[in-house]
Amino acid sequence: MKEIKAIIRTDVLEKVLRALRAMKNLPGCTVSHVHGYHKSVGTSLDSEPENEEMTKLELVIKDTDVKRVIDEIAANARTGGPGDGKIFVLDCAEIVSIRTGQRGDAAV
């Protein structure tokens, strides 16, 4: 199992979520509104970084779904401008369903 974390522009959120909802067998997605900054070309060390509102998506998926999920997020979040975001893929050591007690793939 893998955890996908994607930081995207808030204005493309609905487009990305529509694309993810259209994918079969995805268990779901957590959406959080976050603030932060990103490196900018030509930024001096004396300037304050911008406090931009971004959106974070988090999904736990099967290893076999990683490429298609990344491709869908990237294709639907890409504007071509700076600050389009990043996608991170992490190993998910264990998953436990609180309600059922199921573990692993069955918990997703």
PDB file of N, CA and C in Angstrom:
ATOM      1  N   MET A   1       0.845  -1.178   0.000  1.00  0.00           N
ATOM      2  CA  MET A   1       0.000   0.000   0.000  1.00  0.00           C
ATOM      3  C   MET A   1       0.891   1.243   0.000  1.00  0.00           C
ATOM      4  N   LYS A   2       0.364   2.286  -0.639  1.00  0.00           N
ATOM      5  CA  LYS A   2       1.084   3.559  -0.715  1.00  0.00           C
ATOM      6  C   LYS A   2       0.168   4.681  -0.267  1.00  0.00           C
ATOM      7  N   GLU A   3       0.773   5.704   0.302  1.00  0.00           N
ATOM      8  CA  GLU A   3       0.047   6.926   0.606  1.00  0.00           C
ATOM      9  C   GLU A   3       0.494   7.968  -0.409  1.00  0.00           C
ATOM     10  N   ILE A   4      -0.461   8.602  -1.035  1.00  0.00           N
ATOM     11  CA  ILE A   4      -0.188   9.687  -1.961  1.00  0.00           C
ATOM     12  C   ILE A   4      -0.566  10.982  -1.259  1.00  0.00           C
ATOM     13  N   LYS A   5       0.375  11.915  -1.213  1.00  0.00           N
ATOM     14  CA  LYS A   5       0.093  13.258  -0.714  1.00  0.00           C
ATOM     15  C   LYS A   5       0.364  14.196  -1.875  1.00  0.00           C
ATOM     16  N   ALA A   6      -0.601  15.012  -2.183  1.00  0.00           N
ATOM     17  CA  ALA A   6      -0.445  15.972  -3.269  1.00  0.00           C
ATOM     18  C   ALA A   6      -0.793  17.354  -2.755  1.00  0.00           C
ATOM     19  N   ILE A   7       0.104  18.293  -3.002  1.00  0.00           N
ATOM     20  CA  ILE A   7      -0.157  19.693  -2.686  1.00  0.00           C
ATOM     21  C   ILE A   7      -0.462  20.357  -4.021  1.00  0.00           C
ATOM     22  N   ILE A   8      -1.678  20.894  -4.157  1.00  0.00           N
ATOM     23  CA  ILE A   8      -2.122  21.468  -5.429  1.00  0.00           C
ATOM     24  C   ILE A   8      -2.701  22.860  -5.196  1.00  0.00           C
ATOM     25  N   ARG A   9      -2.891  23.579  -6.278  1.00  0.00           N
ATOM     26  CA  ARG A   9      -3.571  24.873  -6.211  1.00  0.00           C
ATOM     27  C   ARG A   9      -5.035  24.636  -5.821  1.00  0.00           C
ATOM     28  N   THR A  10      -5.558  25.488  -4.987  1.00  0.00           N
ATOM     29  CA  THR A  10      -6.946  25.353  -4.553  1.00  0.00           C
ATOM     30  C   THR A  10      -7.918  25.511  -5.720  1.00  0.00           C
ATOM     31  N   ASP A  11      -7.566  26.338  -6.700  1.00  0.00           N
ATOM     32  CA  ASP A  11      -8.500  26.583  -7.805  1.00  0.00           C
ATOM     33  C   ASP A  11      -8.647  25.411  -8.766  1.00  0.00           C
ATOM     34  N   VAL A  12      -7.807  24.379  -8.651  1.00  0.00           N
ATOM     35  CA  VAL A  12      -7.956  23.193  -9.505  1.00  0.00           C
ATOM     36  C   VAL A  12      -8.518  22.001  -8.734  1.00  0.00           C
ATOM     37  N   LEU A  13      -8.853  22.209  -7.475  1.00  0.00           N
ATOM     38  CA  LEU A  13      -9.319  21.115  -6.617  1.00  0.00           C
ATOM     39  C   LEU A  13     -10.497  20.364  -7.215  1.00  0.00           C
ATOM     40  N   GLU A  14     -11.542  21.047  -7.618  1.00  0.00           N
ATOM     41  CA  GLU A  14     -12.736  20.362  -8.126  1.00  0.00           C
ATOM     42  C   GLU A  14     -12.430  19.542  -9.367  1.00  0.00           C
ATOM     43  N   LYS A  15     -11.593  20.052 -10.234  1.00  0.00           N
ATOM     44  CA  LYS A  15     -11.204  19.322 -11.447  1.00  0.00           C
ATOM     45  C   LYS A  15     -10.462  18.030 -11.085  1.00  0.00           C
ATOM     46  N   VAL A  16      -9.548  18.121 -10.131  1.00  0.00           N
ATOM     47  CA  VAL A  16      -8.791  16.944  -9.692  1.00  0.00           C
ATOM     48  C   VAL A  16      -9.711  15.938  -9.016  1.00  0.00           C
ATOM     49  N   LEU A  17     -10.593  16.407  -8.150  1.00  0.00           N
ATOM     50  CA  LEU A  17     -11.509  15.488  -7.456  1.00  0.00           C
ATOM     51  C   LEU A  17     -12.454  14.789  -8.431  1.00  0.00           C
ATOM     52  N   ARG A  18     -12.940  15.495  -9.449  1.00  0.00           N
ATOM     53  CA  ARG A  18     -13.795  14.857 -10.462  1.00  0.00           C
ATOM     54  C   ARG A  18     -13.036  13.723 -11.147  1.00  0.00           C
ATOM     55  N   ALA A  19     -11.787  13.962 -11.480  1.00  0.00           N
ATOM     56  CA  ALA A  19     -10.976  12.938 -12.151  1.00  0.00           C
ATOM     57  C   ALA A  19     -10.745  11.740 -11.230  1.00  0.00           C
ATOM     58  N   LEU A  20     -10.484  11.996  -9.954  1.00  0.00           N
ATOM     59  CA  LEU A  20     -10.260  10.891  -9.008  1.00  0.00           C
ATOM     60  C   LEU A  20     -11.544  10.103  -8.774  1.00  0.00           C
ATOM     61  N   ARG A  21     -12.677  10.795  -8.649  1.00  0.00           N
ATOM     62  CA  ARG A  21     -13.954  10.100  -8.441  1.00  0.00           C
ATOM     63  C   ARG A  21     -14.317   9.213  -9.627  1.00  0.00           C
ATOM     64  N   ALA A  22     -13.875   9.584 -10.811  1.00  0.00           N
ATOM     65  CA  ALA A  22     -14.175   8.809 -12.020  1.00  0.00           C
ATOM     66  C   ALA A  22     -13.333   7.531 -12.115  1.00  0.00           C
ATOM     67  N   MET A  23     -12.288   7.432 -11.316  1.00  0.00           N
ATOM     68  CA  MET A  23     -11.426   6.248 -11.333  1.00  0.00           C
ATOM     69  C   MET A  23     -12.075   5.140 -10.514  1.00  0.00           C
ATOM     70  N   LYS A  24     -12.153   3.971 -11.090  1.00  0.00           N
ATOM     71  CA  LYS A  24     -12.762   2.832 -10.401  1.00  0.00           C
ATOM     72  C   LYS A  24     -11.857   2.323  -9.279  1.00  0.00           C
ATOM     73  N   ASN A  25     -12.480   1.884  -8.203  1.00  0.00           N
ATOM     74  CA  ASN A  25     -11.821   1.199  -7.088  1.00  0.00           C
ATOM     75  C   ASN A  25     -10.925   2.064  -6.215  1.00  0.00           C
ATOM     76  N   LEU A  26     -11.030   3.389  -6.301  1.00  0.00           N
ATOM     77  CA  LEU A  26     -10.283   4.213  -5.348  1.00  0.00           C
ATOM     78  C   LEU A  26     -11.115   4.330  -4.085  1.00  0.00           C
ATOM     79  N   PRO A  27     -10.500   4.108  -2.913  1.00  0.00           N
ATOM     80  CA  PRO A  27     -11.268   4.080  -1.672  1.00  0.00           C
ATOM     81  C   PRO A  27     -11.748   5.441  -1.184  1.00  0.00           C
ATOM     82  N   GLY A  28     -11.073   6.521  -1.548  1.00  0.00           N
ATOM     83  CA  GLY A  28     -11.475   7.839  -1.087  1.00  0.00           C
ATOM     84  C   GLY A  28     -10.289   8.767  -1.016  1.00  0.00           C
ATOM     85  N   CYS A  29     -10.564   9.993  -0.611  1.00  0.00           N
ATOM     86  CA  CYS A  29      -9.541  11.026  -0.594  1.00  0.00           C
ATOM     87  C   CYS A  29      -9.835  11.982   0.550  1.00  0.00           C
ATOM     88  N   THR A  30      -8.812  12.368   1.281  1.00  0.00           N
ATOM     89  CA  THR A  30      -8.937  13.378   2.324  1.00  0.00           C
ATOM     90  C   THR A  30      -8.431  14.699   1.766  1.00  0.00           C
ATOM     91  N   VAL A  31      -9.185  15.763   1.983  1.00  0.00           N
ATOM     92  CA  VAL A  31      -8.834  17.082   1.470  1.00  0.00           C
ATOM     93  C   VAL A  31      -8.622  18.025   2.651  1.00  0.00           C
ATOM     94  N   SER A  32      -7.498  18.732   2.646  1.00  0.00           N
ATOM     95  CA  SER A  32      -7.199  19.724   3.683  1.00  0.00           C
ATOM     96  C   SER A  32      -6.758  21.014   3.021  1.00  0.00           C
ATOM     97  N   HIS A  33      -7.188  22.122   3.570  1.00  0.00           N
ATOM     98  CA  HIS A  33      -6.718  23.415   3.080  1.00  0.00           C
ATOM     99  C   HIS A  33      -5.543  23.816   3.961  1.00  0.00           C
ATOM    100  N   VAL A  34      -4.424  24.106   3.322  1.00  0.00           N
ATOM    101  CA  VAL A  34      -3.176  24.370   4.039  1.00  0.00           C
ATOM    102  C   VAL A  34      -2.576  25.690   3.556  1.00  0.00           C
ATOM    103  N   HIS A  35      -1.641  26.212   4.320  1.00  0.00           N
ATOM    104  CA  HIS A  35      -0.915  27.417   3.952  1.00  0.00           C
ATOM    105  C   HIS A  35       0.572  27.099   3.962  1.00  0.00           C
ATOM    106  N   GLY A  36       1.306  27.745   3.090  1.00  0.00           N
ATOM    107  CA  GLY A  36       2.745  27.535   3.065  1.00  0.00           C
ATOM    108  C   GLY A  36       3.382  28.422   2.022  1.00  0.00           C
ATOM    109  N   TYR A  37       4.589  28.091   1.678  1.00  0.00           N
ATOM    110  CA  TYR A  37       5.299  28.835   0.654  1.00  0.00           C
ATOM    111  C   TYR A  37       6.138  27.868  -0.158  1.00  0.00           C
ATOM    112  N   HIS A  38       6.558  28.304  -1.309  1.00  0.00           N
ATOM    113  CA  HIS A  38       7.398  27.487  -2.161  1.00  0.00           C
ATOM    114  C   HIS A  38       8.577  28.327  -2.614  1.00  0.00           C
ATOM    115  N   LYS A  39       9.637  27.643  -3.035  1.00  0.00           N
ATOM    116  CA  LYS A  39      10.805  28.388  -3.502  1.00  0.00           C
ATOM    117  C   LYS A  39      10.442  29.102  -4.799  1.00  0.00           C
ATOM    118  N   SER A  40      10.971  30.285  -4.953  1.00  0.00           N
ATOM    119  CA  SER A  40      10.715  31.069  -6.147  1.00  0.00           C
ATOM    120  C   SER A  40      12.041  31.477  -6.764  1.00  0.00           C
ATOM    121  N   VAL A  41      12.086  31.481  -8.053  1.00  0.00           N
ATOM    122  CA  VAL A  41      13.290  31.919  -8.742  1.00  0.00           C
ATOM    123  C   VAL A  41      13.481  33.404  -8.476  1.00  0.00           C
ATOM    124  N   GLY A  42      14.691  33.786  -8.087  1.00  0.00           N
ATOM    125  CA  GLY A  42      14.995  35.193  -7.879  1.00  0.00           C
ATOM    126  C   GLY A  42      14.596  35.719  -6.513  1.00  0.00           C
ATOM    127  N   THR A  43      14.158  34.879  -5.602  1.00  0.00           N
ATOM    128  CA  THR A  43      13.788  35.340  -4.264  1.00  0.00           C
ATOM    129  C   THR A  43      15.049  35.569  -3.447  1.00  0.00           C
ATOM    130  N   SER A  44      15.132  36.711  -2.804  1.00  0.00           N
ATOM    131  CA  SER A  44      16.309  36.986  -1.979  1.00  0.00           C
ATOM    132  C   SER A  44      16.069  36.462  -0.574  1.00  0.00           C
ATOM    133  N   LEU A  45      17.149  36.278   0.160  1.00  0.00           N
ATOM    134  CA  LEU A  45      17.036  35.784   1.532  1.00  0.00           C
ATOM    135  C   LEU A  45      16.414  36.821   2.457  1.00  0.00           C
ATOM    136  N   ASP A  46      16.421  38.098   2.046  1.00  0.00           N
ATOM    137  CA  ASP A  46      15.863  39.163   2.879  1.00  0.00           C
ATOM    138  C   ASP A  46      14.354  39.290   2.758  1.00  0.00           C
ATOM    139  N   SER A  47      13.751  38.695   1.734  1.00  0.00           N
ATOM    140  CA  SER A  47      12.311  38.864   1.529  1.00  0.00           C
ATOM    141  C   SER A  47      11.526  37.812   2.297  1.00  0.00           C
ATOM    142  N   GLU A  48      10.289  38.176   2.665  1.00  0.00           N
ATOM    143  CA  GLU A  48       9.390  37.251   3.356  1.00  0.00           C
ATOM    144  C   GLU A  48       8.756  36.304   2.349  1.00  0.00           C
ATOM    145  N   PRO A  49       8.725  35.007   2.635  1.00  0.00           N
ATOM    146  CA  PRO A  49       8.022  34.097   1.720  1.00  0.00           C
ATOM    147  C   PRO A  49       6.526  34.352   1.779  1.00  0.00           C
ATOM    148  N   GLU A  50       5.867  34.140   0.669  1.00  0.00           N
ATOM    149  CA  GLU A  50       4.425  34.332   0.624  1.00  0.00           C
ATOM    150  C   GLU A  50       3.734  33.235   1.420  1.00  0.00           C
ATOM    151  N   ASN A  51       2.612  33.570   2.005  1.00  0.00           N
ATOM    152  CA  ASN A  51       1.808  32.603   2.739  1.00  0.00           C
ATOM    153  C   ASN A  51       0.623  32.244   1.856  1.00  0.00           C
ATOM    154  N   GLU A  52       0.837  31.284   0.966  1.00  0.00           N
ATOM    155  CA  GLU A  52      -0.174  30.924  -0.026  1.00  0.00           C
ATOM    156  C   GLU A  52      -1.117  29.853   0.498  1.00  0.00           C
ATOM    157  N   GLU A  53      -2.386  29.968   0.116  1.00  0.00           N
ATOM    158  CA  GLU A  53      -3.334  28.906   0.421  1.00  0.00           C
ATOM    159  C   GLU A  53      -3.209  27.846  -0.672  1.00  0.00           C
ATOM    160  N   MET A  54      -3.041  26.616  -0.257  1.00  0.00           N
ATOM    161  CA  MET A  54      -2.954  25.485  -1.160  1.00  0.00           C
ATOM    162  C   MET A  54      -3.900  24.413  -0.612  1.00  0.00           C
ATOM    163  N   THR A  55      -4.048  23.338  -1.354  1.00  0.00           N
ATOM    164  CA  THR A  55      -4.884  22.226  -0.923  1.00  0.00           C
ATOM    165  C   THR A  55      -4.038  20.970  -0.891  1.00  0.00           C
ATOM    166  N   LYS A  56      -4.204  20.170   0.162  1.00  0.00           N
ATOM    167  CA  LYS A  56      -3.485  18.903   0.278  1.00  0.00           C
ATOM    168  C   LYS A  56      -4.481  17.762   0.129  1.00  0.00           C
ATOM    169  N   LEU A  57      -4.175  16.844  -0.777  1.00  0.00           N
ATOM    170  CA  LEU A  57      -4.955  15.623  -0.953  1.00  0.00           C
ATOM    171  C   LEU A  57      -4.161  14.473  -0.364  1.00  0.00           C
ATOM    172  N   GLU A  58      -4.846  13.563   0.305  1.00  0.00           N
ATOM    173  CA  GLU A  58      -4.201  12.368   0.843  1.00  0.00           C
ATOM    174  C   GLU A  58      -5.045  11.156   0.481  1.00  0.00           C
ATOM    175  N   LEU A  59      -4.394  10.153  -0.100  1.00  0.00           N
ATOM    176  CA  LEU A  59      -5.063   8.915  -0.489  1.00  0.00           C
ATOM    177  C   LEU A  59      -4.180   7.742  -0.088  1.00  0.00           C
ATOM    178  N   VAL A  60      -4.789   6.663   0.333  1.00  0.00           N
ATOM    179  CA  VAL A  60      -4.071   5.407   0.544  1.00  0.00           C
ATOM    180  C   VAL A  60      -4.611   4.435  -0.487  1.00  0.00           C
ATOM    181  N   ILE A  61      -3.703   3.911  -1.307  1.00  0.00           N
ATOM    182  CA  ILE A  61      -4.108   3.099  -2.450  1.00  0.00           C
ATOM    183  C   ILE A  61      -3.210   1.877  -2.596  1.00  0.00           C
ATOM    184  N   LYS A  62      -3.657   0.960  -3.430  1.00  0.00           N
ATOM    185  CA  LYS A  62      -2.852  -0.220  -3.739  1.00  0.00           C
ATOM    186  C   LYS A  62      -1.660   0.194  -4.600  1.00  0.00           C
ATOM    187  N   ASP A  63      -0.563  -0.538  -4.459  1.00  0.00           N
ATOM    188  CA  ASP A  63       0.654  -0.248  -5.222  1.00  0.00           C
ATOM    189  C   ASP A  63       0.369  -0.202  -6.725  1.00  0.00           C
ATOM    190  N   THR A  64      -0.530  -1.056  -7.180  1.00  0.00           N
ATOM    191  CA  THR A  64      -0.819  -1.143  -8.617  1.00  0.00           C
ATOM    192  C   THR A  64      -1.546   0.099  -9.149  1.00  0.00           C
ATOM    193  N   ASP A  65      -2.104   0.916  -8.268  1.00  0.00           N
ATOM    194  CA  ASP A  65      -2.838   2.109  -8.686  1.00  0.00           C
ATOM    195  C   ASP A  65      -2.006   3.386  -8.660  1.00  0.00           C
ATOM    196  N   VAL A  66      -0.766   3.305  -8.187  1.00  0.00           N
ATOM    197  CA  VAL A  66       0.044   4.502  -7.977  1.00  0.00           C
ATOM    198  C   VAL A  66       0.243   5.307  -9.258  1.00  0.00           C
ATOM    199  N   LYS A  67       0.663   4.672 -10.318  1.00  0.00           N
ATOM    200  CA  LYS A  67       0.964   5.409 -11.553  1.00  0.00           C
ATOM    201  C   LYS A  67      -0.266   6.124 -12.086  1.00  0.00           C
ATOM    202  N   ARG A  68      -1.392   5.440 -12.140  1.00  0.00           N
ATOM    203  CA  ARG A  68      -2.581   6.079 -12.715  1.00  0.00           C
ATOM    204  C   ARG A  68      -3.112   7.204 -11.836  1.00  0.00           C
ATOM    205  N   VAL A  69      -2.987   7.079 -10.516  1.00  0.00           N
ATOM    206  CA  VAL A  69      -3.427   8.155  -9.628  1.00  0.00           C
ATOM    207  C   VAL A  69      -2.519   9.375  -9.791  1.00  0.00           C
ATOM    208  N   ILE A  70      -1.211   9.147  -9.816  1.00  0.00           N
ATOM    209  CA  ILE A  70      -0.269  10.248 -10.027  1.00  0.00           C
ATOM    210  C   ILE A  70      -0.544  10.929 -11.363  1.00  0.00           C
ATOM    211  N   ASP A  71      -0.720  10.139 -12.404  1.00  0.00           N
ATOM    212  CA  ASP A  71      -0.972  10.699 -13.740  1.00  0.00           C
ATOM    213  C   ASP A  71      -2.238  11.545 -13.760  1.00  0.00           C
ATOM    214  N   GLU A  72      -3.308  11.088 -13.110  1.00  0.00           N
ATOM    215  CA  GLU A  72      -4.571  11.836 -13.086  1.00  0.00           C
ATOM    216  C   GLU A  72      -4.435  13.127 -12.296  1.00  0.00           C
ATOM    217  N   ILE A  73      -3.795  13.060 -11.133  1.00  0.00           N
ATOM    218  CA  ILE A  73      -3.615  14.274 -10.335  1.00  0.00           C
ATOM    219  C   ILE A  73      -2.788  15.283 -11.122  1.00  0.00           C
ATOM    220  N   ALA A  74      -1.659  14.847 -11.659  1.00  0.00           N
ATOM    221  CA  ALA A  74      -0.771  15.764 -12.379  1.00  0.00           C
ATOM    222  C   ALA A  74      -1.460  16.372 -13.597  1.00  0.00           C
ATOM    223  N   ALA A  75      -2.154  15.559 -14.371  1.00  0.00           N
ATOM    224  CA  ALA A  75      -2.805  16.053 -15.585  1.00  0.00           C
ATOM    225  C   ALA A  75      -3.893  17.076 -15.271  1.00  0.00           C
ATOM    226  N   ASN A  76      -4.601  16.884 -14.177  1.00  0.00           N
ATOM    227  CA  ASN A  76      -5.717  17.756 -13.850  1.00  0.00           C
ATOM    228  C   ASN A  76      -5.334  18.947 -12.974  1.00  0.00           C
ATOM    229  N   ALA A  77      -4.155  18.901 -12.355  1.00  0.00           N
ATOM    230  CA  ALA A  77      -3.702  20.006 -11.513  1.00  0.00           C
ATOM    231  C   ALA A  77      -2.736  20.929 -12.250  1.00  0.00           C
ATOM    232  N   ARG A  78      -2.226  20.485 -13.369  1.00  0.00           N
ATOM    233  CA  ARG A  78      -1.202  21.252 -14.090  1.00  0.00           C
ATOM    234  C   ARG A  78      -1.801  22.471 -14.777  1.00  0.00           C
ATOM    235  N   THR A  79      -1.244  23.654 -14.457  1.00  0.00           N
ATOM    236  CA  THR A  79      -1.613  24.887 -15.158  1.00  0.00           C
ATOM    237  C   THR A  79      -0.463  25.356 -16.035  1.00  0.00           C
ATOM    238  N   GLY A  80       0.730  24.848 -15.748  1.00  0.00           N
ATOM    239  CA  GLY A  80       1.916  25.269 -16.483  1.00  0.00           C
ATOM    240  C   GLY A  80       2.651  26.419 -15.830  1.00  0.00           C
ATOM    241  N   GLY A  81       2.098  26.935 -14.742  1.00  0.00           N
ATOM    242  CA  GLY A  81       2.730  28.056 -14.053  1.00  0.00           C
ATOM    243  C   GLY A  81       3.449  27.609 -12.795  1.00  0.00           C
ATOM    244  N   PRO A  82       4.266  28.500 -12.233  1.00  0.00           N
ATOM    245  CA  PRO A  82       4.938  28.182 -10.977  1.00  0.00           C
ATOM    246  C   PRO A  82       3.912  27.938  -9.873  1.00  0.00           C
ATOM    247  N   GLY A  83       4.214  27.032  -8.978  1.00  0.00           N
ATOM    248  CA  GLY A  83       3.325  26.773  -7.853  1.00  0.00           C
ATOM    249  C   GLY A  83       2.222  25.782  -8.141  1.00  0.00           C
ATOM    250  N   ASP A  84       2.363  24.994  -9.220  1.00  0.00           N
ATOM    251  CA  ASP A  84       1.352  23.975  -9.519  1.00  0.00           C
ATOM    252  C   ASP A  84       1.306  22.899  -8.444  1.00  0.00           C
ATOM    253  N   GLY A  85       2.389  22.699  -7.714  1.00  0.00           N
ATOM    254  CA  GLY A  85       2.378  21.765  -6.596  1.00  0.00           C
ATOM    255  C   GLY A  85       3.335  20.609  -6.739  1.00  0.00           C
ATOM    256  N   LYS A  86       3.176  19.641  -5.852  1.00  0.00           N
ATOM    257  CA  LYS A  86       4.015  18.451  -5.798  1.00  0.00           C
ATOM    258  C   LYS A  86       3.161  17.255  -5.419  1.00  0.00           C
ATOM    259  N   ILE A  87       3.643  16.069  -5.827  1.00  0.00           N
ATOM    260  CA  ILE A  87       3.015  14.808  -5.438  1.00  0.00           C
ATOM    261  C   ILE A  87       4.076  13.970  -4.746  1.00  0.00           C
ATOM    262  N   PHE A  88       3.745  13.451  -3.583  1.00  0.00           N
ATOM    263  CA  PHE A  88       4.661  12.620  -2.801  1.00  0.00           C
ATOM    264  C   PHE A  88       4.073  11.220  -2.682  1.00  0.00           C
ATOM    265  N   VAL A  89       4.910  10.203  -2.789  1.00  0.00           N
ATOM    266  CA  VAL A  89       4.481   8.809  -2.645  1.00  0.00           C
ATOM    267  C   VAL A  89       5.253   8.218  -1.478  1.00  0.00           C
ATOM    268  N   LEU A  90       4.512   7.704  -0.496  1.00  0.00           N
ATOM    269  CA  LEU A  90       5.129   7.130   0.701  1.00  0.00           C
ATOM    270  C   LEU A  90       4.649   5.703   0.905  1.00  0.00           C
ATOM    271  N   ASP A  91       5.509   4.877   1.467  1.00  0.00           N
ATOM    272  CA  ASP A  91       5.093   3.532   1.850  1.00  0.00           C
ATOM    273  C   ASP A  91       4.155   3.631   3.045  1.00  0.00           C
ATOM    274  N   CYS A  92       3.138   2.822   3.036  1.00  0.00           N
ATOM    275  CA  CYS A  92       2.177   2.777   4.124  1.00  0.00           C
ATOM    276  C   CYS A  92       2.395   1.452   4.870  1.00  0.00           C
ATOM    277  N   ALA A  93       2.976   1.517   6.045  1.00  0.00           N
ATOM    278  CA  ALA A  93       3.376   0.312   6.773  1.00  0.00           C
ATOM    279  C   ALA A  93       2.194  -0.532   7.219  1.00  0.00           C
ATOM    280  N   GLU A  94       1.126   0.102   7.668  1.00  0.00           N
ATOM    281  CA  GLU A  94      -0.026  -0.664   8.138  1.00  0.00           C
ATOM    282  C   GLU A  94      -1.271   0.208   8.082  1.00  0.00           C
ATOM    283  N   ILE A  95      -2.391  -0.447   7.848  1.00  0.00           N
ATOM    284  CA  ILE A  95      -3.685   0.228   7.833  1.00  0.00           C
ATOM    285  C   ILE A  95      -4.616  -0.592   8.710  1.00  0.00           C
ATOM    286  N   VAL A  96      -5.352   0.090   9.565  1.00  0.00           N
ATOM    287  CA  VAL A  96      -6.318  -0.579  10.441  1.00  0.00           C
ATOM    288  C   VAL A  96      -7.628   0.179  10.367  1.00  0.00           C
ATOM    289  N   SER A  97      -8.724  -0.526  10.071  1.00  0.00           N
ATOM    290  CA  SER A  97     -10.048   0.084  10.097  1.00  0.00           C
ATOM    291  C   SER A  97     -10.508   0.142  11.546  1.00  0.00           C
ATOM    292  N   ILE A  98     -10.793   1.320  12.017  1.00  0.00           N
ATOM    293  CA  ILE A  98     -11.228   1.481  13.407  1.00  0.00           C
ATOM    294  C   ILE A  98     -12.554   0.772  13.631  1.00  0.00           C
ATOM    295  N   ARG A  99     -13.481   0.902  12.684  1.00  0.00           N
ATOM    296  CA  ARG A  99     -14.821   0.315  12.854  1.00  0.00           C
ATOM    297  C   ARG A  99     -14.793  -1.206  12.856  1.00  0.00           C
ATOM    298  N   THR A 100     -14.090  -1.815  11.858  1.00  0.00           N
ATOM    299  CA  THR A 100     -14.168  -3.268  11.703  1.00  0.00           C
ATOM    300  C   THR A 100     -12.979  -4.023  12.285  1.00  0.00           C
ATOM    301  N   GLY A 101     -11.876  -3.333  12.505  1.00  0.00           N
ATOM    302  CA  GLY A 101     -10.674  -4.010  12.977  1.00  0.00           C
ATOM    303  C   GLY A 101      -9.881  -4.664  11.853  1.00  0.00           C
ATOM    304  N   GLN A 102     -10.380  -4.557  10.617  1.00  0.00           N
ATOM    305  CA  GLN A 102      -9.658  -5.159   9.482  1.00  0.00           C
ATOM    306  C   GLN A 102      -8.322  -4.451   9.305  1.00  0.00           C
ATOM    307  N   ARG A 103      -7.391  -5.204   8.708  1.00  0.00           N
ATOM    308  CA  ARG A 103      -6.047  -4.670   8.497  1.00  0.00           C
ATOM    309  C   ARG A 103      -5.613  -4.857   7.051  1.00  0.00           C
ATOM    310  N   GLY A 104      -4.635  -4.059   6.656  1.00  0.00           N
ATOM    311  CA  GLY A 104      -4.071  -4.194   5.310  1.00  0.00           C
ATOM    312  C   GLY A 104      -5.049  -3.779   4.228  1.00  0.00           C
ATOM    313  N   ASP A 105      -4.978  -4.465   3.062  1.00  0.00           N
ATOM    314  CA  ASP A 105      -5.837  -4.153   1.921  1.00  0.00           C
ATOM    315  C   ASP A 105      -7.320  -4.151   2.288  1.00  0.00           C
ATOM    316  N   ALA A 106      -7.716  -5.049   3.164  1.00  0.00           N
ATOM    317  CA  ALA A 106      -9.125  -5.165   3.545  1.00  0.00           C
ATOM    318  C   ALA A 106      -9.608  -3.921   4.299  1.00  0.00           C
ATOM    319  N   ALA A 107      -8.692  -3.190   4.931  1.00  0.00           N
ATOM    320  CA  ALA A 107      -9.063  -2.006   5.689  1.00  0.00           C
ATOM    321  C   ALA A 107      -9.308  -0.801   4.801  1.00  0.00           C
ATOM    322  N   VAL A 108      -8.825  -0.880   3.580  1.00  0.00           N
ATOM    323  CA  VAL A 108      -9.002   0.242   2.657  1.00  0.00           C
ATOM    324  C   VAL A 108     -10.329   0.080   1.986  1.00  0.00           C
TER     325      VAL A 108
END
